[in-house]
Each structure stands twice: as structure tokens, then as C-alpha cells.
Amino acid sequence: MDQKFSDGSATGFEELPVEVAWLTWTRGDAKLSAAKDTDPGSYFGGWRAFAKGKDRTSGEERENPKLPIPLVTRVSEDGSAQYQVYATNDLRFLPINHRTRFEMREETTDPNTGREYQKLLATSSEKPDIKGYSPVRQIFGLVFSADLKKYAPAVIHIKNWSSFISFEKAGQKFNKLGVPDNKALIRRYGSIGNEKGQPNFEIFGQSRSTPIEAIGVDKPILVDITDEMINLLEGSMDWKTCPKWNATGGADDQEPTIVQQFNAACDAIGMTNVDIEQLLADNGNNYYKALAALQPPSEDDVNAYLASAEAEDQA
């Protein structure tokens, strides 16, 4: 229905009623055993939320919302920089609302700035029949401190198949617990390692990940449902049902040729969604490179390799 007295501006994405920290899952790293006590999330695998980020409007650095979990300092993979994250391998989380969609993305480069980013090609509210899509689940809720005395709003952001599958399994275990109508269940999502005190890993296709586990199911944590929780639930319904975020479209009818070729090649050899996700990650989410990696070597390449090997044998 047309709105009277309108300036014609397009409707944007619905926002949450409060500012939140964004938590993502990272797998464990057995090489980081020295940090086992000071930063268990880096060793066992766990959740992290960056302490600082960039304002979406101004681009200036700002402090992100604080969380009642440890603040730790980490070093970038190349050792060139330090950064701080709120991190834990054992997250106490009370879910309030959630939404899920499936995305197809491609790594691309901004021609003006040279910055690499993941371009969104298509979205679907249901799991599509064609491959190349990854799940995105966002769970809005409250993060509690270990002693349950403090809490802060946050969103758990699940964005790949391995995390999505293990999070589903963990959630199903909590869902089996009986919860009275006037109570809410604080769930412990994370990983505490195996019986040897080492990180847990699972193999999904050709990739390895640390599964998200349901911790302390035998000792459920129940709290009273408060007016604040109810207000947050009601205030987040527009975010949950946002038409723009939940829309389906993009590549279904106008799929880029390279994506069609890549999906067809994956289907031909029976690759799973997890295998496809790992192949894309190994090739910088570039469909051209990933497709090339699937192709058998040409006759000229084989002959050149054999000639090179024969030359080495004669040397």
C-alpha cells in the first residue's frame, strides 16, 4: 500500500532493538597449547567478538559493545598486528530470537579501491536445490558471565556448513530438556576438548573443523523470564521477519555463467555442500580458480610434466 506524505525512500533492513556484539565460531588449534589457560577459545576452538570495529556510516574505528566474557589479545596470522577479542570456549547464552537464510557469495575486488570482499550473488529463505549456497543463521540473545551475575545482548552468527550442522545437533540436545513455562534455559555452547585435554576435530568432506557442542546438558541452567526478555523478544520480531533480509532472489534465474559451470562440475563428481565450501575457501572464494582446480590437466600439461620428470631422471 502506498504511503501518503512519503519521500519515496526505499525500506531498509530492520534493526534489533539494542546494540549487540557479534559472535562467530572458530575451530581449535593444537599448536596453541601455550594459550590453553589464558585463551582457551584459541586452543580448544570457541567464540569471538572483536573489541573494536569500523562504524558503517563514517568508517571510523569505534569500540564494539562489551561482553561479560574474557577480553584477550591475539596476534594476526602473519604476526604483523595485535588485536583484542572477547573470547570463550564455553559460552552461556540465552536465545531470544533467530533467523536463517542461505547465501551464495563470490570473492571479488572493488575496482575503485582494490579491496577484496565477498559479493552476495543470491539469497534463499529455503535450502536451494542447486549447490554453492552456504547457510547463515543469526541468533539474538543474552550472553551471561560464568557466575551468571552479568549479561549483555549479542548475536551468534553462524555462516558455514560445518558450524551450522554441529550447532543444530547441539541445539537439539538442549531442546529435549523440559523447561517450565515461566523459566528460560541458558545454553552452554562451545568445546571443552577430548578426554586427553586436546581440541576436538571433525572431518567434513575435505575440511576439518571443531564441532560446536552442547555443554552441561546434565546440569541445566534455568532463570526466570523477565519483562526485559519479553520486551527484547517483541522488539526483535521485525528483525526476525525483515522482508528484505528474508527475500529470495539473485542467481536463481540470472546465475553468472561461471557459477553455473562450477555447480555443474561439482554435481558431476558428487561433491557435498561441505566439500564445495572448502574448495571455494581454498581458492579465495573465487569461482574461476575453484573451477580450474576441478578440471583435469590438459594433454599438453601431462606431456610437459612427463618431459620434465624424464629430464630430472637423466640429470
Protein backbone atom coordinates (compact mmCIF):
# COMPACT_ATOMS: atom_id res chain seq x y z
CA MET A 1 0.00 0.00 0.00
CA ASP A 2 1.33 3.46 -0.95
CA GLN A 3 2.20 5.66 1.98
CA LYS A 4 0.91 9.23 2.00
CA PHE A 5 3.27 12.09 2.87
CA SER A 6 6.27 9.91 1.96
CA ASP A 7 9.60 10.99 0.44
CA GLY A 8 9.80 7.74 -1.54
CA SER A 9 12.85 6.37 0.27
CA ALA A 10 13.30 2.60 -0.01
CA THR A 11 12.72 0.49 3.07
CA GLY A 12 16.00 -0.74 4.56
CA PHE A 13 16.87 -3.69 6.77
CA GLU A 14 15.09 -3.93 10.10
CA GLU A 15 17.39 -3.43 13.09
CA LEU A 16 17.48 -5.05 16.52
CA PRO A 17 16.08 -3.02 19.43
CA VAL A 18 19.50 -2.81 21.12
CA GLU A 19 23.12 -2.59 20.02
CA VAL A 20 24.77 -6.01 20.05
CA ALA A 21 28.14 -7.73 19.86
CA TRP A 22 28.54 -10.24 17.01
CA LEU A 23 29.95 -13.66 17.92
CA THR A 24 31.43 -16.10 15.40
CA TRP A 25 32.82 -19.61 15.84
CA THR A 26 36.46 -20.55 15.16
CA ARG A 27 38.00 -24.01 15.18
CA GLY A 28 40.67 -25.11 17.64
CA ASP A 29 44.42 -25.08 17.05
CA ALA A 30 46.57 -27.73 18.75
CA LYS A 31 49.67 -25.58 18.09
CA LEU A 32 48.38 -23.00 20.60
CA SER A 33 48.65 -25.22 23.69
CA ALA A 34 50.63 -22.45 25.44
CA ALA A 35 47.42 -20.38 25.46
CA LYS A 36 45.30 -23.21 26.84
CA ASP A 37 44.79 -21.49 30.21
CA THR A 38 44.88 -17.81 29.22
CA ASP A 39 42.88 -18.06 25.97
CA PRO A 40 41.19 -21.49 25.85
CA GLY A 41 39.00 -20.41 22.94
CA SER A 42 42.03 -20.20 20.66
CA TYR A 43 43.22 -23.68 21.66
CA PHE A 44 40.01 -25.70 22.00
CA GLY A 45 38.02 -23.66 19.50
CA GLY A 46 35.41 -21.16 20.58
CA TRP A 47 33.52 -17.92 20.15
CA ARG A 48 34.96 -14.48 19.49
CA ALA A 49 33.67 -10.93 19.12
CA PHE A 50 36.02 -8.14 18.09
CA ALA A 51 36.51 -5.43 20.71
CA LYS A 52 36.80 -2.75 18.03
CA GLY A 53 35.28 -2.27 14.61
CA LYS A 54 34.50 0.35 12.00
CA ASP A 55 31.40 2.49 12.03
CA ARG A 56 29.31 1.56 8.97
CA THR A 57 28.44 5.18 8.28
CA SER A 58 31.66 7.09 8.95
CA GLY A 59 34.18 4.28 8.50
CA GLU A 60 35.94 5.40 11.68
CA GLU A 61 37.15 2.91 14.27
CA ARG A 62 34.96 2.54 17.33
CA GLU A 63 34.54 0.29 20.34
CA ASN A 64 32.06 -2.54 19.88
CA PRO A 65 29.58 -3.48 22.63
CA LYS A 66 31.25 -5.15 25.60
CA LEU A 67 30.56 -8.72 26.70
CA PRO A 68 30.87 -10.35 30.17
CA ILE A 69 33.44 -12.89 28.91
CA PRO A 70 37.26 -12.66 28.88
CA LEU A 71 38.91 -9.95 26.78
CA VAL A 72 42.10 -11.38 25.25
CA THR A 73 44.83 -10.12 22.95
CA ARG A 74 45.66 -12.15 19.86
CA VAL A 75 48.21 -11.83 17.07
CA SER A 76 47.40 -11.92 13.36
CA GLU A 77 48.50 -14.98 11.38
CA ASP A 78 51.42 -13.13 9.80
CA GLY A 79 52.47 -11.73 13.19
CA SER A 80 52.24 -8.14 11.99
CA ALA A 81 49.47 -6.90 14.27
CA GLN A 82 47.73 -7.44 17.59
CA TYR A 83 44.02 -7.17 18.20
CA GLN A 84 41.61 -7.76 21.07
CA VAL A 85 38.57 -10.01 21.12
CA TYR A 86 36.01 -11.12 23.66
CA ALA A 87 36.52 -14.87 23.58
CA THR A 88 35.50 -18.07 25.29
CA ASN A 89 35.29 -21.79 24.59
CA ASP A 90 32.25 -22.12 26.90
CA LEU A 91 29.50 -19.60 26.07
CA ARG A 92 26.49 -19.21 28.35
CA PHE A 93 23.78 -17.95 26.05
CA LEU A 94 20.05 -17.39 26.37
CA PRO A 95 18.50 -17.31 22.87
CA ILE A 96 15.66 -14.85 22.32
CA ASN A 97 15.06 -14.81 18.56
CA HIS A 98 16.64 -16.13 15.38
CA ARG A 99 16.55 -16.09 11.59
CA THR A 100 18.10 -18.26 8.87
CA ARG A 101 18.75 -17.92 5.17
CA PHE A 102 21.09 -19.40 2.53
CA GLU A 103 23.60 -17.29 0.61
CA MET A 104 25.75 -17.64 -2.48
CA ARG A 105 28.82 -15.41 -2.39
CA GLU A 106 31.90 -14.85 -4.55
CA GLU A 107 35.21 -13.27 -3.67
CA THR A 108 35.67 -10.17 -5.81
CA THR A 109 37.72 -6.98 -5.93
CA ASP A 110 36.42 -3.43 -5.78
CA PRO A 111 37.76 -1.80 -8.99
CA ASN A 112 37.94 1.60 -7.30
CA THR A 113 39.68 0.71 -4.03
CA GLY A 114 41.30 -2.66 -4.81
CA ARG A 115 39.72 -4.04 -1.64
CA GLU A 116 38.73 -7.70 -1.74
CA TYR A 117 35.29 -8.56 -0.42
CA GLN A 118 32.64 -11.26 -0.69
CA LYS A 119 29.96 -10.21 -3.14
CA LEU A 120 26.48 -11.52 -2.40
CA LEU A 121 25.15 -13.20 -5.55
CA ALA A 122 21.90 -14.71 -4.33
CA THR A 123 19.84 -15.48 -1.23
CA SER A 124 17.15 -18.00 -0.43
CA SER A 125 14.89 -18.42 2.60
CA GLU A 126 14.87 -22.19 1.99
CA LYS A 127 17.74 -24.55 1.22
CA PRO A 128 18.07 -24.38 -2.60
CA ASP A 129 18.28 -27.45 -4.83
CA ILE A 130 21.38 -26.11 -6.57
CA LYS A 131 24.73 -26.23 -4.82
CA GLY A 132 27.04 -23.37 -3.94
CA TYR A 133 24.91 -21.91 -1.15
CA SER A 134 26.03 -21.66 2.48
CA PRO A 135 23.71 -21.32 5.49
CA VAL A 136 23.56 -18.15 7.57
CA ARG A 137 21.88 -18.33 10.96
CA GLN A 138 21.74 -15.39 13.34
CA ILE A 139 20.60 -15.94 16.92
CA PHE A 140 19.84 -12.87 19.02
CA GLY A 141 20.09 -13.34 22.78
CA LEU A 142 21.89 -12.62 26.02
CA VAL A 143 25.46 -13.66 26.88
CA PHE A 144 25.96 -14.37 30.59
CA SER A 145 29.12 -14.29 32.68
CA ALA A 146 30.34 -17.55 34.22
CA ASP A 147 28.77 -16.62 37.58
CA LEU A 148 25.54 -15.52 35.82
CA LYS A 149 25.68 -12.11 37.55
CA LYS A 150 26.23 -10.09 34.38
CA TYR A 151 24.78 -10.28 30.89
CA ALA A 152 24.82 -8.38 27.61
CA PRO A 153 22.97 -8.65 24.27
CA ALA A 154 24.71 -10.36 21.37
CA VAL A 155 24.11 -12.18 18.09
CA ILE A 156 25.61 -15.58 17.32
CA HIS A 157 26.49 -15.54 13.62
CA ILE A 158 26.75 -18.99 12.00
CA LYS A 159 27.97 -18.79 8.41
CA ASN A 160 29.26 -22.15 7.15
CA TRP A 161 28.02 -25.71 6.83
CA SER A 162 30.24 -27.38 9.44
CA SER A 163 29.29 -24.87 12.17
CA PHE A 164 25.65 -24.92 11.09
CA ILE A 165 25.42 -28.71 11.31
CA SER A 166 27.14 -29.01 14.70
CA PHE A 167 25.14 -26.07 16.13
CA GLU A 168 21.92 -27.81 15.04
CA LYS A 169 22.99 -31.01 16.81
CA ALA A 170 23.87 -29.11 19.99
CA GLY A 171 20.58 -27.23 19.92
CA GLN A 172 18.59 -30.44 19.53
CA LYS A 173 20.14 -31.77 22.76
CA PHE A 174 19.03 -28.66 24.66
CA ASN A 175 15.58 -28.83 23.07
CA LYS A 176 14.99 -32.23 24.70
CA LEU A 177 15.21 -30.70 28.17
CA GLY A 178 11.96 -29.91 29.93
CA VAL A 179 11.65 -26.19 30.72
CA PRO A 180 8.75 -24.78 32.83
CA ASP A 181 6.60 -22.09 31.21
CA ASN A 182 7.90 -19.32 33.47
CA LYS A 183 11.57 -20.24 33.03
CA ALA A 184 14.19 -19.78 30.31
CA LEU A 185 17.16 -22.07 29.61
CA ILE A 186 20.68 -20.67 29.45
CA ARG A 187 22.52 -22.88 26.98
CA ARG A 188 26.24 -23.59 27.08
CA TYR A 189 27.60 -23.74 23.53
CA GLY A 190 31.28 -24.44 22.94
CA SER A 191 34.03 -27.03 23.12
CA ILE A 192 36.00 -28.27 26.12
CA GLY A 193 38.20 -30.73 24.23
CA ASN A 194 38.54 -34.50 24.39
CA GLU A 195 39.44 -36.79 27.28
CA LYS A 196 43.13 -36.06 26.67
CA GLY A 197 42.61 -32.32 27.05
CA GLN A 198 43.16 -31.71 23.33
CA PRO A 199 40.99 -29.90 20.78
CA ASN A 200 38.18 -31.85 19.13
CA PHE A 201 38.07 -32.06 15.35
CA GLU A 202 35.61 -33.47 12.86
CA ILE A 203 36.18 -34.16 9.19
CA PHE A 204 33.57 -32.72 6.82
CA GLY A 205 34.41 -33.82 3.30
CA GLN A 206 37.90 -32.48 2.71
CA SER A 207 37.84 -29.96 5.55
CA ARG A 208 38.46 -30.17 9.29
CA SER A 209 36.54 -28.22 11.92
CA THR A 210 35.87 -28.11 15.65
CA PRO A 211 32.24 -29.01 16.31
CA ILE A 212 30.06 -26.78 18.47
CA GLU A 213 29.00 -28.91 21.43
CA ALA A 214 26.19 -28.78 23.99
CA ILE A 215 27.98 -28.42 27.35
CA GLY A 216 26.43 -29.22 30.73
CA VAL A 217 23.20 -30.72 29.42
CA ASP A 218 23.06 -32.84 32.58
CA LYS A 219 23.03 -29.66 34.70
CA PRO A 220 20.59 -27.25 33.00
CA ILE A 221 20.72 -23.57 33.98
CA LEU A 222 17.23 -22.12 34.38
CA VAL A 223 16.38 -18.47 35.04
CA ASP A 224 13.13 -16.58 35.48
CA ILE A 225 11.65 -14.98 32.36
CA THR A 226 11.78 -11.23 32.95
CA ASP A 227 9.92 -8.29 31.44
CA GLU A 228 13.20 -7.27 29.79
CA MET A 229 13.42 -10.62 27.97
CA ILE A 230 9.83 -10.33 26.79
CA ASN A 231 10.44 -6.78 25.55
CA LEU A 232 13.55 -7.92 23.66
CA LEU A 233 11.58 -10.77 22.08
CA GLU A 234 8.78 -8.47 20.97
CA GLY A 235 11.20 -5.76 19.86
CA SER A 236 13.18 -8.18 17.68
CA MET A 237 10.24 -9.60 15.69
CA ASP A 238 10.63 -7.06 12.87
CA TRP A 239 14.32 -8.02 12.65
CA LYS A 240 13.40 -11.72 12.50
CA THR A 241 10.79 -11.27 9.77
CA CYS A 242 12.54 -8.47 7.84
CA PRO A 243 11.24 -8.86 4.23
CA LYS A 244 14.46 -7.58 2.70
CA TRP A 245 16.72 -9.96 4.65
CA ASN A 246 14.41 -12.95 4.10
CA ALA A 247 13.91 -12.29 0.38
CA THR A 248 14.74 -14.98 -2.18
CA GLY A 249 16.38 -13.99 -5.44
CA GLY A 250 19.54 -13.23 -7.36
CA ALA A 251 21.26 -16.12 -9.02
CA ASP A 252 18.26 -18.45 -9.44
CA ASP A 253 17.23 -17.00 -12.79
CA GLN A 254 20.27 -14.90 -13.69
CA GLU A 255 23.08 -17.04 -12.36
CA PRO A 256 26.51 -15.93 -13.61
CA THR A 257 27.92 -18.32 -16.19
CA ILE A 258 30.97 -19.16 -14.10
CA VAL A 259 28.77 -20.13 -11.13
CA GLN A 260 26.62 -22.35 -13.36
CA GLN A 261 29.74 -24.05 -14.72
CA PHE A 262 31.17 -24.54 -11.24
CA ASN A 263 27.93 -26.01 -9.86
CA ALA A 264 27.61 -28.37 -12.83
CA ALA A 265 31.20 -29.57 -12.35
CA CYS A 266 30.58 -30.18 -8.63
CA ASP A 267 27.37 -32.09 -9.36
CA ALA A 268 29.14 -34.23 -11.94
CA ILE A 269 31.55 -35.63 -9.35
CA GLY A 270 29.05 -35.74 -6.49
CA MET A 271 30.62 -33.14 -4.20
CA THR A 272 28.78 -32.32 -0.96
CA ASN A 273 27.99 -28.78 0.21
CA VAL A 274 30.80 -29.04 2.76
CA ASP A 275 33.29 -30.15 0.07
CA ILE A 276 32.22 -27.24 -2.13
CA GLU A 277 32.55 -24.75 0.72
CA GLN A 278 36.08 -25.96 1.47
CA LEU A 279 37.09 -25.90 -2.22
CA LEU A 280 35.91 -22.30 -2.53
CA ALA A 281 37.71 -21.33 0.69
CA ASP A 282 40.93 -22.94 -0.55
CA ASN A 283 40.67 -20.79 -3.69
CA GLY A 284 39.83 -17.49 -2.03
CA ASN A 285 36.09 -17.87 -2.79
CA ASN A 286 36.94 -17.27 -6.43
CA TYR A 287 34.73 -19.41 -8.68
CA TYR A 288 37.16 -19.22 -11.60
CA LYS A 289 40.05 -20.61 -9.53
CA ALA A 290 37.85 -23.21 -7.86
CA LEU A 291 36.54 -24.42 -11.22
CA ALA A 292 40.09 -24.61 -12.58
CA ALA A 293 41.07 -26.75 -9.58
CA LEU A 294 38.34 -29.24 -10.54
CA GLN A 295 39.47 -29.58 -14.14
CA PRO A 296 41.75 -32.50 -15.13
CA PRO A 297 45.15 -31.47 -16.54
CA SER A 298 45.31 -30.99 -20.30
CA GLU A 299 47.27 -33.36 -22.54
CA ASP A 300 49.92 -30.64 -23.03
CA ASP A 301 50.28 -30.26 -19.24
CA VAL A 302 50.68 -34.02 -18.81
CA ASN A 303 53.26 -34.22 -21.59
CA ALA A 304 55.18 -31.27 -20.15
CA TYR A 305 55.19 -32.91 -16.70
CA LEU A 306 56.41 -36.24 -18.10
CA ALA A 307 59.14 -34.50 -20.09
CA SER A 308 60.27 -32.59 -17.01
CA ALA A 309 60.34 -35.77 -14.91
CA GLU A 310 62.33 -37.62 -17.60
CA ALA A 311 64.84 -34.76 -17.76
CA GLU A 312 65.32 -34.91 -13.99
CA ASP A 313 65.91 -38.68 -14.13
CA GLN A 314 68.60 -38.22 -16.78
CA ALA A 315 70.33 -35.41 -14.91
